Amino acid sequence: MAYHFEEEWWITDQGGTILRGTDEGVVSPNSKYRMNGVVTEAAPEWSHLIGRKVHASGYITWDPDTGAPLTAPGTFRIE
């Protein structure tokens, strides 16, 4: 059994958004995830990445109190 998800993601620093995008993915029962998406917004120096595909995979750690995702360390790749 797998769980499907859609999300928006942001990479930020003190000055605001560096990159932003959307993705869709799947989480397996052992908490392994993978997703595919696209860069939709970028700071001026990264604007050449708008429209590029993104891929990520890793494992979700869960908050023991709420059951919500806590972190999702893994690999994030932009083509």
Protein backbone atom coordinates (compact mmCIF):
# COMPACT_ATOMS: atom_id res chain seq x y z
CA MET A 1 0.00 0.00 0.00
CA ALA A 2 1.34 3.44 -0.89
CA TYR A 3 0.17 6.96 -0.14
CA HIS A 4 0.10 9.61 -2.85
CA PHE A 5 0.78 13.27 -2.15
CA GLU A 6 0.99 16.67 -3.83
CA GLU A 7 2.89 19.57 -2.37
CA GLU A 8 4.55 22.93 -2.85
CA TRP A 9 8.17 23.32 -1.80
CA TRP A 10 10.45 26.31 -1.12
CA ILE A 11 14.17 26.81 -0.72
CA THR A 12 14.78 30.04 1.20
CA ASP A 13 17.50 32.08 2.85
CA GLN A 14 17.50 35.29 4.91
CA GLY A 15 16.62 37.30 1.80
CA GLY A 16 13.55 35.25 0.83
CA THR A 17 12.74 32.61 -1.75
CA ILE A 18 15.62 31.16 -3.77
CA LEU A 19 13.60 28.43 -5.53
CA ARG A 20 9.97 27.32 -5.37
CA GLY A 21 8.02 24.58 -7.09
CA THR A 22 5.38 21.88 -7.03
CA ASP A 23 5.54 18.11 -7.05
CA GLU A 24 3.61 14.87 -6.79
CA GLY A 25 4.89 11.73 -5.17
CA VAL A 26 4.33 8.54 -3.26
CA VAL A 27 5.24 7.30 0.24
CA SER A 28 5.58 3.56 0.82
CA PRO A 29 4.62 1.84 4.12
CA ASN A 30 8.29 1.86 5.22
CA SER A 31 8.27 5.70 4.92
CA LYS A 32 10.40 5.81 1.76
CA TYR A 33 9.27 8.61 -0.56
CA ARG A 34 9.91 9.70 -4.11
CA MET A 35 8.56 12.67 -6.02
CA ASN A 36 8.71 14.43 -9.37
CA GLY A 37 7.94 18.08 -9.97
CA VAL A 38 8.97 21.36 -11.53
CA VAL A 39 10.63 24.65 -10.53
CA THR A 40 7.97 27.39 -10.78
CA GLU A 41 9.72 30.43 -9.27
CA ALA A 42 13.30 31.51 -8.68
CA ALA A 43 15.40 34.41 -7.44
CA PRO A 44 16.93 36.37 -10.34
CA GLU A 45 20.29 34.60 -10.21
CA TRP A 46 18.53 31.21 -10.44
CA SER A 47 15.83 32.17 -12.98
CA HIS A 48 17.39 29.87 -15.61
CA LEU A 49 16.02 26.95 -13.54
CA ILE A 50 12.33 27.92 -13.95
CA GLY A 51 10.55 25.11 -15.79
CA ARG A 52 13.22 22.51 -14.97
CA LYS A 53 12.15 19.12 -13.65
CA VAL A 54 12.96 18.14 -10.08
CA HIS A 55 13.20 14.73 -8.46
CA ALA A 56 13.62 13.78 -4.81
CA SER A 57 13.75 10.60 -2.77
CA GLY A 58 14.49 9.65 0.82
CA TYR A 59 12.79 8.63 4.05
CA ILE A 60 10.21 10.55 6.09
CA THR A 61 10.58 10.81 9.85
CA TRP A 62 7.30 11.18 11.71
CA ASP A 63 6.36 13.28 14.73
CA PRO A 64 5.54 10.71 17.44
CA ASP A 65 2.98 13.03 19.06
CA THR A 66 0.95 14.08 16.01
CA GLY A 67 1.80 11.46 13.38
CA ALA A 68 2.57 14.29 10.93
CA PRO A 69 5.71 14.32 8.79
CA LEU A 70 8.56 15.91 10.73
CA THR A 71 11.51 15.78 8.30
CA ALA A 72 12.18 14.24 4.90
CA PRO A 73 15.94 13.93 4.44
CA GLY A 74 17.06 12.62 1.08
CA THR A 75 18.32 13.63 -2.33
CA PHE A 76 16.89 16.59 -4.25
CA ARG A 77 17.91 16.86 -7.90
CA ILE A 78 17.18 19.49 -10.59
CA GLU A 79 17.59 18.45 -14.24
